[in-house]
Amino acid sequence: MSADRASVANVLERYALAPQQLERLARMLDVLTRDEHAPTAVRAVREAIDVHLADSLVGLDFDELRLASSVADLGVGAGFPGLALAVALPDTHFCLVESQRRKCEFVERLRVTADVGNATVVCARAEQWEQGRGANDAVLARALAPQPIVLEYAAPLLKLGGTLVDWRGRRDERQELAARKAAAQLGMCLAEIREVSPFATATDRHVHVFVKEAETPQQFPRRPGMAVKRPLGT
C-alpha cells in the first residue's frame, strides 16, 4: 500500500470502514489532487486527506447522521462532506446540492469515478429545490454561510424531528446568539455544539446540531438572495 493509501486507511480505521470503502475514497482523492478543474485550493495529498476526508467523516461521530435515511448536503462544492459520507453510509441516500453548474459537473464526475451509487447531484439553489422540501432526515453544511443563513436554507428541507449538522470553526458568541434567534423563527432549536478533532493538527473545529421541533412557517425560505441580504436573528 502506498503512503497516501496508508494515510486514508488510518482515517477509515477510526470508523471501522471496509477495504472497498478505502478504494472508493482513494479514487476520489486521486481525482481531487490531479484534476486541474477540481473546485478546491487543496492539492497536496496529505492536506486533502485531512481537509476533505477526515473532516467530512467526523460527521460519523453523530448518531443523528448515522441513523438518517435521507440526507442533503448544501453547497457541496468539490463534493464534501456528502460524497465521503455517502461512501461510509451506503444505506443512506445523499442529495448533493450545489447551485454552480461547473461544480455540479465536477461532483458528478467524482461520484461516477468513485462508484457512489447512493448519491445524487442536485444542481439548484437550496431555496428553489422544491423536491427537497420536508424530505430529509438530515441536512449538512460545511463552510457554507453564516449560521442564520444556513438555518433558513436547511429548515424547510427537513422532516419534523430532522437535524441540521453544521461544520464550524472557532466559536463566536454573537453569531451563536443570532443563530438561536433565527432557529426559533424557523421551528428549529439548538441541540448540541461539540468540539471535534478530525485530524492531528485540527484546532477550533466544532459541529453544531439543530433539531426541527416544529413545522417551518410557509414564508421560508424567502426568495433567493433574501437570506443573505436580510439574515434572520440580527
C-alpha atoms as a PDB file:
ATOM      1  CA  MET A   1       0.000   0.000   0.000  1.00  0.00           C
ATOM      2  CA  SER A   2       1.315   3.489  -0.850  1.00  0.00           C
ATOM      3  CA  ALA A   3       1.939   6.023   1.910  1.00  0.00           C
ATOM      4  CA  ASP A   4      -1.071   8.021   0.734  1.00  0.00           C
ATOM      5  CA  ARG A   5      -3.368   4.999   0.805  1.00  0.00           C
ATOM      6  CA  ALA A   6      -1.988   4.126   4.209  1.00  0.00           C
ATOM      7  CA  SER A   7      -2.979   7.605   5.389  1.00  0.00           C
ATOM      8  CA  VAL A   8      -6.503   7.110   4.028  1.00  0.00           C
ATOM      9  CA  ALA A   9      -6.589   3.698   5.707  1.00  0.00           C
ATOM     10  CA  ASN A  10      -5.749   5.334   9.052  1.00  0.00           C
ATOM     11  CA  VAL A  11      -8.752   7.626   8.653  1.00  0.00           C
ATOM     12  CA  LEU A  12     -11.013   4.687   7.834  1.00  0.00           C
ATOM     13  CA  GLU A  13      -9.721   2.625  10.748  1.00  0.00           C
ATOM     14  CA  ARG A  14     -11.102   5.236  13.130  1.00  0.00           C
ATOM     15  CA  TYR A  15     -14.593   4.478  11.798  1.00  0.00           C
ATOM     16  CA  ALA A  16     -14.198   0.738  11.108  1.00  0.00           C
ATOM     17  CA  LEU A  17     -14.854   1.127   7.381  1.00  0.00           C
ATOM     18  CA  ALA A  18     -14.267  -1.670   4.854  1.00  0.00           C
ATOM     19  CA  PRO A  19     -11.469  -2.108   2.259  1.00  0.00           C
ATOM     20  CA  GLN A  20     -13.839  -1.359  -0.657  1.00  0.00           C
ATOM     21  CA  GLN A  21     -14.703   1.941   1.011  1.00  0.00           C
ATOM     22  CA  LEU A  22     -10.988   2.712   1.240  1.00  0.00           C
ATOM     23  CA  GLU A  23     -10.688   2.089  -2.506  1.00  0.00           C
ATOM     24  CA  ARG A  24     -13.547   4.471  -3.333  1.00  0.00           C
ATOM     25  CA  LEU A  25     -12.195   7.232  -1.125  1.00  0.00           C
ATOM     26  CA  ALA A  26      -8.724   6.776  -2.612  1.00  0.00           C
ATOM     27  CA  ARG A  27     -10.192   7.206  -6.105  1.00  0.00           C
ATOM     28  CA  MET A  28     -11.844  10.450  -5.023  1.00  0.00           C
ATOM     29  CA  LEU A  29      -8.580  11.681  -3.584  1.00  0.00           C
ATOM     30  CA  ASP A  30      -6.739  10.891  -6.807  1.00  0.00           C
ATOM     31  CA  VAL A  31      -9.189  12.955  -8.875  1.00  0.00           C
ATOM     32  CA  LEU A  32      -9.169  15.855  -6.416  1.00  0.00           C
ATOM     33  CA  THR A  33      -5.400  16.173  -6.399  1.00  0.00           C
ATOM     34  CA  ARG A  34      -4.827  15.602 -10.135  1.00  0.00           C
ATOM     35  CA  ASP A  35      -7.775  17.255 -11.911  1.00  0.00           C
ATOM     36  CA  GLU A  36      -6.887  20.883 -12.670  1.00  0.00           C
ATOM     37  CA  HIS A  37     -10.605  21.690 -12.839  1.00  0.00           C
ATOM     38  CA  ALA A  38     -11.333  20.484  -9.303  1.00  0.00           C
ATOM     39  CA  PRO A  39     -13.031  23.368  -7.417  1.00  0.00           C
ATOM     40  CA  THR A  40     -10.631  23.289  -4.470  1.00  0.00           C
ATOM     41  CA  ALA A  41      -7.413  25.029  -3.487  1.00  0.00           C
ATOM     42  CA  VAL A  42      -6.248  21.927  -1.617  1.00  0.00           C
ATOM     43  CA  ARG A  43      -3.904  19.997  -3.939  1.00  0.00           C
ATOM     44  CA  ALA A  44      -1.364  18.335  -1.638  1.00  0.00           C
ATOM     45  CA  VAL A  45      -2.450  14.750  -0.981  1.00  0.00           C
ATOM     46  CA  ARG A  46      -1.804  14.720   2.760  1.00  0.00           C
ATOM     47  CA  GLU A  47      -3.653  18.014   3.216  1.00  0.00           C
ATOM     48  CA  ALA A  48      -6.570  16.722   1.125  1.00  0.00           C
ATOM     49  CA  ILE A  49      -6.813  13.636   3.331  1.00  0.00           C
ATOM     50  CA  ASP A  50      -7.199  15.889   6.372  1.00  0.00           C
ATOM     51  CA  VAL A  51      -9.299  18.706   4.922  1.00  0.00           C
ATOM     52  CA  HIS A  52     -11.601  16.684   2.664  1.00  0.00           C
ATOM     53  CA  LEU A  53     -11.764  13.126   4.004  1.00  0.00           C
ATOM     54  CA  ALA A  54     -11.071  13.266   7.741  1.00  0.00           C
ATOM     55  CA  ASP A  55     -13.022  16.480   8.279  1.00  0.00           C
ATOM     56  CA  SER A  56     -16.011  15.030   6.393  1.00  0.00           C
ATOM     57  CA  LEU A  57     -16.007  11.686   8.160  1.00  0.00           C
ATOM     58  CA  VAL A  58     -16.119  13.283  11.596  1.00  0.00           C
ATOM     59  CA  GLY A  59     -19.849  13.506  10.856  1.00  0.00           C
ATOM     60  CA  LEU A  60     -19.970   9.783  11.641  1.00  0.00           C
ATOM     61  CA  ASP A  61     -19.475  10.678  15.306  1.00  0.00           C
ATOM     62  CA  PHE A  62     -23.088  11.921  15.322  1.00  0.00           C
ATOM     63  CA  ASP A  63     -25.897   9.386  15.715  1.00  0.00           C
ATOM     64  CA  GLU A  64     -28.318  11.822  14.051  1.00  0.00           C
ATOM     65  CA  LEU A  65     -26.394  11.353  10.820  1.00  0.00           C
ATOM     66  CA  ARG A  66     -25.637   7.640  11.153  1.00  0.00           C
ATOM     67  CA  LEU A  67     -29.345   6.871  11.627  1.00  0.00           C
ATOM     68  CA  ALA A  68     -30.618   9.087   8.790  1.00  0.00           C
ATOM     69  CA  SER A  69     -32.090   7.515   5.661  1.00  0.00           C
ATOM     70  CA  SER A  70     -32.123  10.671   3.524  1.00  0.00           C
ATOM     71  CA  VAL A  71     -29.517  13.435   3.730  1.00  0.00           C
ATOM     72  CA  ALA A  72     -29.000  16.669   1.805  1.00  0.00           C
ATOM     73  CA  ASP A  73     -25.571  18.330   1.669  1.00  0.00           C
ATOM     74  CA  LEU A  74     -25.981  22.037   0.875  1.00  0.00           C
ATOM     75  CA  GLY A  75     -23.346  23.891  -1.147  1.00  0.00           C
ATOM     76  CA  VAL A  76     -21.381  20.707  -1.680  1.00  0.00           C
ATOM     77  CA  GLY A  77     -18.605  22.456  -3.634  1.00  0.00           C
ATOM     78  CA  ALA A  78     -15.970  19.865  -4.525  1.00  0.00           C
ATOM     79  CA  GLY A  79     -18.178  17.087  -3.151  1.00  0.00           C
ATOM     80  CA  PHE A  80     -17.614  17.187   0.596  1.00  0.00           C
ATOM     81  CA  PRO A  81     -18.676  16.236   3.152  1.00  0.00           C
ATOM     82  CA  GLY A  82     -21.504  14.499   1.282  1.00  0.00           C
ATOM     83  CA  LEU A  83     -19.602  12.169  -1.046  1.00  0.00           C
ATOM     84  CA  ALA A  84     -17.237  10.875   1.639  1.00  0.00           C
ATOM     85  CA  LEU A  85     -20.157  10.239   3.982  1.00  0.00           C
ATOM     86  CA  ALA A  86     -22.109   8.530   1.211  1.00  0.00           C
ATOM     87  CA  VAL A  87     -19.240   6.053   0.851  1.00  0.00           C
ATOM     88  CA  ALA A  88     -19.236   5.490   4.607  1.00  0.00           C
ATOM     89  CA  LEU A  89     -23.052   5.115   4.842  1.00  0.00           C
ATOM     90  CA  PRO A  90     -24.089   3.024   1.816  1.00  0.00           C
ATOM     91  CA  ASP A  91     -27.672   2.511   3.047  1.00  0.00           C
ATOM     92  CA  THR A  92     -28.322   6.268   3.239  1.00  0.00           C
ATOM     93  CA  HIS A  93     -29.253   8.321   0.187  1.00  0.00           C
ATOM     94  CA  PHE A  94     -27.449  11.651  -0.199  1.00  0.00           C
ATOM     95  CA  CYS A  95     -28.546  14.605  -2.322  1.00  0.00           C
ATOM     96  CA  LEU A  96     -25.531  16.788  -3.113  1.00  0.00           C
ATOM     97  CA  VAL A  97     -26.984  20.276  -3.614  1.00  0.00           C
ATOM     98  CA  GLU A  98     -24.919  22.844  -5.493  1.00  0.00           C
ATOM     99  CA  SER A  99     -26.019  25.928  -7.453  1.00  0.00           C
ATOM    100  CA  GLN A 100     -22.964  26.330  -9.717  1.00  0.00           C
ATOM    101  CA  ARG A 101     -23.096  24.242 -12.883  1.00  0.00           C
ATOM    102  CA  ARG A 102     -19.324  23.791 -13.155  1.00  0.00           C
ATOM    103  CA  LYS A 103     -19.116  22.414  -9.626  1.00  0.00           C
ATOM    104  CA  CYS A 104     -22.104  20.138 -10.251  1.00  0.00           C
ATOM    105  CA  GLU A 105     -20.382  18.661 -13.294  1.00  0.00           C
ATOM    106  CA  PHE A 106     -17.189  18.041 -11.333  1.00  0.00           C
ATOM    107  CA  VAL A 107     -19.025  16.401  -8.413  1.00  0.00           C
ATOM    108  CA  GLU A 108     -20.871  14.139 -10.840  1.00  0.00           C
ATOM    109  CA  ARG A 109     -17.536  13.049 -12.392  1.00  0.00           C
ATOM    110  CA  LEU A 110     -16.178  12.394  -8.919  1.00  0.00           C
ATOM    111  CA  ARG A 111     -19.292  10.415  -7.965  1.00  0.00           C
ATOM    112  CA  VAL A 112     -19.078   8.222 -11.081  1.00  0.00           C
ATOM    113  CA  THR A 113     -15.321   7.684 -10.731  1.00  0.00           C
ATOM    114  CA  ALA A 114     -15.731   6.520  -7.145  1.00  0.00           C
ATOM    115  CA  ASP A 115     -18.853   4.468  -7.994  1.00  0.00           C
ATOM    116  CA  VAL A 116     -21.024   6.123  -5.332  1.00  0.00           C
ATOM    117  CA  GLY A 117     -24.481   4.825  -6.200  1.00  0.00           C
ATOM    118  CA  ASN A 118     -26.314   6.211  -3.171  1.00  0.00           C
ATOM    119  CA  ALA A 119     -25.690   9.883  -4.038  1.00  0.00           C
ATOM    120  CA  THR A 120     -27.446  12.223  -6.466  1.00  0.00           C
ATOM    121  CA  VAL A 121     -26.160  15.603  -7.620  1.00  0.00           C
ATOM    122  CA  VAL A 122     -28.851  18.297  -7.443  1.00  0.00           C
ATOM    123  CA  CYS A 123     -27.899  21.396  -9.421  1.00  0.00           C
ATOM    124  CA  ALA A 124     -30.121  24.006  -7.782  1.00  0.00           C
ATOM    125  CA  ARG A 125     -30.198  26.714  -5.157  1.00  0.00           C
ATOM    126  CA  ALA A 126     -31.311  25.391  -1.789  1.00  0.00           C
ATOM    127  CA  GLU A 127     -34.163  27.938  -1.685  1.00  0.00           C
ATOM    128  CA  GLN A 128     -35.523  26.688  -5.028  1.00  0.00           C
ATOM    129  CA  TRP A 129     -35.198  22.925  -4.539  1.00  0.00           C
ATOM    130  CA  GLU A 130     -38.902  22.138  -4.258  1.00  0.00           C
ATOM    131  CA  GLN A 131     -38.457  18.346  -4.379  1.00  0.00           C
ATOM    132  CA  GLY A 132     -36.388  18.551  -1.211  1.00  0.00           C
ATOM    133  CA  ARG A 133     -38.942  20.331   0.951  1.00  0.00           C
ATOM    134  CA  GLY A 134     -39.705  18.305   4.055  1.00  0.00           C
ATOM    135  CA  ALA A 135     -37.935  15.290   2.536  1.00  0.00           C
ATOM    136  CA  ASN A 136     -34.711  14.917   4.530  1.00  0.00           C
ATOM    137  CA  ASP A 137     -33.831  13.327   7.853  1.00  0.00           C
ATOM    138  CA  ALA A 138     -30.655  15.403   7.989  1.00  0.00           C
ATOM    139  CA  VAL A 139     -29.118  18.383   6.242  1.00  0.00           C
ATOM    140  CA  LEU A 140     -25.368  19.018   6.158  1.00  0.00           C
ATOM    141  CA  ALA A 141     -23.481  22.265   5.702  1.00  0.00           C
ATOM    142  CA  ARG A 142     -19.744  22.860   5.842  1.00  0.00           C
ATOM    143  CA  ALA A 143     -18.231  26.339   5.479  1.00  0.00           C
ATOM    144  CA  LEU A 144     -21.340  27.436   3.585  1.00  0.00           C
ATOM    145  CA  ALA A 145     -22.520  30.735   5.073  1.00  0.00           C
ATOM    146  CA  PRO A 146     -23.222  32.462   8.404  1.00  0.00           C
ATOM    147  CA  GLN A 147     -25.347  30.165  10.537  1.00  0.00           C
ATOM    148  CA  PRO A 148     -28.648  32.108  10.397  1.00  0.00           C
ATOM    149  CA  ILE A 149     -28.476  31.816   6.601  1.00  0.00           C
ATOM    150  CA  VAL A 150     -27.700  28.093   6.748  1.00  0.00           C
ATOM    151  CA  LEU A 151     -30.639  27.575   9.109  1.00  0.00           C
ATOM    152  CA  GLU A 152     -33.023  29.316   6.704  1.00  0.00           C
ATOM    153  CA  TYR A 153     -31.808  27.137   3.831  1.00  0.00           C
ATOM    154  CA  ALA A 154     -31.981  23.928   5.865  1.00  0.00           C
ATOM    155  CA  ALA A 155     -35.167  24.149   7.930  1.00  0.00           C
ATOM    156  CA  PRO A 156     -37.691  23.837   5.053  1.00  0.00           C
ATOM    157  CA  LEU A 157     -35.825  20.818   3.674  1.00  0.00           C
ATOM    158  CA  LEU A 158     -36.024  18.832   6.909  1.00  0.00           C
ATOM    159  CA  LYS A 159     -38.684  16.433   8.099  1.00  0.00           C
ATOM    160  CA  LEU A 160     -40.176  17.208  11.504  1.00  0.00           C
ATOM    161  CA  GLY A 161     -37.632  15.863  14.002  1.00  0.00           C
ATOM    162  CA  GLY A 162     -34.820  16.075  11.439  1.00  0.00           C
ATOM    163  CA  THR A 163     -31.417  17.579  12.150  1.00  0.00           C
ATOM    164  CA  LEU A 164     -29.055  20.142  10.695  1.00  0.00           C
ATOM    165  CA  VAL A 165     -25.396  19.155  11.132  1.00  0.00           C
ATOM    166  CA  ASP A 166     -23.296  22.272  10.557  1.00  0.00           C
ATOM    167  CA  TRP A 167     -19.469  22.252  10.463  1.00  0.00           C
ATOM    168  CA  ARG A 168     -17.987  25.432  12.023  1.00  0.00           C
ATOM    169  CA  GLY A 169     -14.644  26.823  13.103  1.00  0.00           C
ATOM    170  CA  ARG A 170     -13.922  28.948  16.173  1.00  0.00           C
ATOM    171  CA  ARG A 171     -16.955  29.713  18.308  1.00  0.00           C
ATOM    172  CA  ASP A 172     -18.439  33.220  18.148  1.00  0.00           C
ATOM    173  CA  GLU A 173     -20.860  34.176  20.917  1.00  0.00           C
ATOM    174  CA  ARG A 174     -22.586  36.900  18.900  1.00  0.00           C
ATOM    175  CA  GLN A 175     -23.085  34.625  15.880  1.00  0.00           C
ATOM    176  CA  GLU A 176     -24.400  31.838  18.093  1.00  0.00           C
ATOM    177  CA  LEU A 177     -26.958  34.202  19.656  1.00  0.00           C
ATOM    178  CA  ALA A 178     -28.125  35.291  16.187  1.00  0.00           C
ATOM    179  CA  ALA A 179     -28.376  31.635  15.155  1.00  0.00           C
ATOM    180  CA  ARG A 180     -30.539  30.740  18.155  1.00  0.00           C
ATOM    181  CA  LYS A 181     -32.878  33.639  17.343  1.00  0.00           C
ATOM    182  CA  ALA A 182     -33.074  32.570  13.703  1.00  0.00           C
ATOM    183  CA  ALA A 183     -33.682  28.956  14.706  1.00  0.00           C
ATOM    184  CA  ALA A 184     -36.660  29.963  16.849  1.00  0.00           C
ATOM    185  CA  GLN A 185     -38.275  31.683  13.845  1.00  0.00           C
ATOM    186  CA  LEU A 186     -37.810  28.561  11.716  1.00  0.00           C
ATOM    187  CA  GLY A 187     -39.074  25.853  14.074  1.00  0.00           C
ATOM    188  CA  MET A 188     -35.531  24.773  14.939  1.00  0.00           C
ATOM    189  CA  CYS A 189     -33.670  24.514  18.244  1.00  0.00           C
ATOM    190  CA  LEU A 190     -30.007  24.045  19.132  1.00  0.00           C
ATOM    191  CA  ALA A 191     -29.317  20.517  20.394  1.00  0.00           C
ATOM    192  CA  GLU A 192     -25.526  20.455  20.709  1.00  0.00           C
ATOM    193  CA  ILE A 193     -22.258  22.191  19.932  1.00  0.00           C
ATOM    194  CA  ARG A 194     -19.413  19.696  20.009  1.00  0.00           C
ATOM    195  CA  GLU A 195     -15.706  20.359  19.590  1.00  0.00           C
ATOM    196  CA  VAL A 196     -14.193  17.846  17.151  1.00  0.00           C
ATOM    197  CA  SER A 197     -10.647  16.806  16.229  1.00  0.00           C
ATOM    198  CA  PRO A 198     -10.837  15.156  12.813  1.00  0.00           C
ATOM    199  CA  PHE A 199      -7.052  15.137  12.357  1.00  0.00           C
ATOM    200  CA  ALA A 200      -3.948  15.767  14.461  1.00  0.00           C
ATOM    201  CA  THR A 201      -3.391  19.416  13.571  1.00  0.00           C
ATOM    202  CA  ALA A 202      -7.059  20.472  13.681  1.00  0.00           C
ATOM    203  CA  THR A 203      -7.859  23.378  16.007  1.00  0.00           C
ATOM    204  CA  ASP A 204     -11.005  25.346  16.813  1.00  0.00           C
ATOM    205  CA  ARG A 205     -13.345  22.999  14.942  1.00  0.00           C
ATOM    206  CA  HIS A 206     -16.907  22.484  16.076  1.00  0.00           C
ATOM    207  CA  VAL A 207     -20.038  20.779  14.809  1.00  0.00           C
ATOM    208  CA  HIS A 208     -23.368  22.421  15.638  1.00  0.00           C
ATOM    209  CA  VAL A 209     -26.503  20.265  15.654  1.00  0.00           C
ATOM    210  CA  PHE A 210     -30.005  21.760  15.388  1.00  0.00           C
ATOM    211  CA  VAL A 211     -33.286  19.812  15.538  1.00  0.00           C
ATOM    212  CA  LYS A 212     -36.501  20.712  13.721  1.00  0.00           C
ATOM    213  CA  GLU A 213     -39.026  20.693  16.552  1.00  0.00           C
ATOM    214  CA  ALA A 214     -41.922  22.449  14.764  1.00  0.00           C
ATOM    215  CA  GLU A 215     -43.065  22.979  11.195  1.00  0.00           C
ATOM    216  CA  THR A 216     -41.229  25.786   9.421  1.00  0.00           C
ATOM    217  CA  PRO A 217     -43.533  28.731   8.593  1.00  0.00           C
ATOM    218  CA  GLN A 218     -44.610  28.749   4.963  1.00  0.00           C
ATOM    219  CA  GLN A 219     -42.857  32.037   4.165  1.00  0.00           C
ATOM    220  CA  PHE A 220     -39.484  30.291   4.449  1.00  0.00           C
ATOM    221  CA  PRO A 221     -37.230  30.083   2.661  1.00  0.00           C
ATOM    222  CA  ARG A 222     -37.593  33.588   1.301  1.00  0.00           C
ATOM    223  CA  ARG A 223     -36.843  34.275  -2.347  1.00  0.00           C
ATOM    224  CA  PRO A 224     -33.224  33.733  -3.480  1.00  0.00           C
ATOM    225  CA  GLY A 225     -30.808  36.245  -2.025  1.00  0.00           C
ATOM    226  CA  MET A 226     -33.007  37.452   0.832  1.00  0.00           C
ATOM    227  CA  ALA A 227     -31.452  35.192   3.471  1.00  0.00           C
ATOM    228  CA  VAL A 228     -28.085  36.770   2.696  1.00  0.00           C
ATOM    229  CA  LYS A 229     -29.384  40.331   2.295  1.00  0.00           C
ATOM    230  CA  ARG A 230     -31.537  40.298   5.436  1.00  0.00           C
ATOM    231  CA  PRO A 231     -30.395  37.426   7.659  1.00  0.00           C
ATOM    232  CA  LEU A 232     -32.701  36.295  10.428  1.00  0.00           C
ATOM    233  CA  GLY A 233     -31.707  36.782  14.062  1.00  0.00           C
ATOM    234  CA  THR A 234     -29.776  40.014  13.554  1.00  0.00           C
END
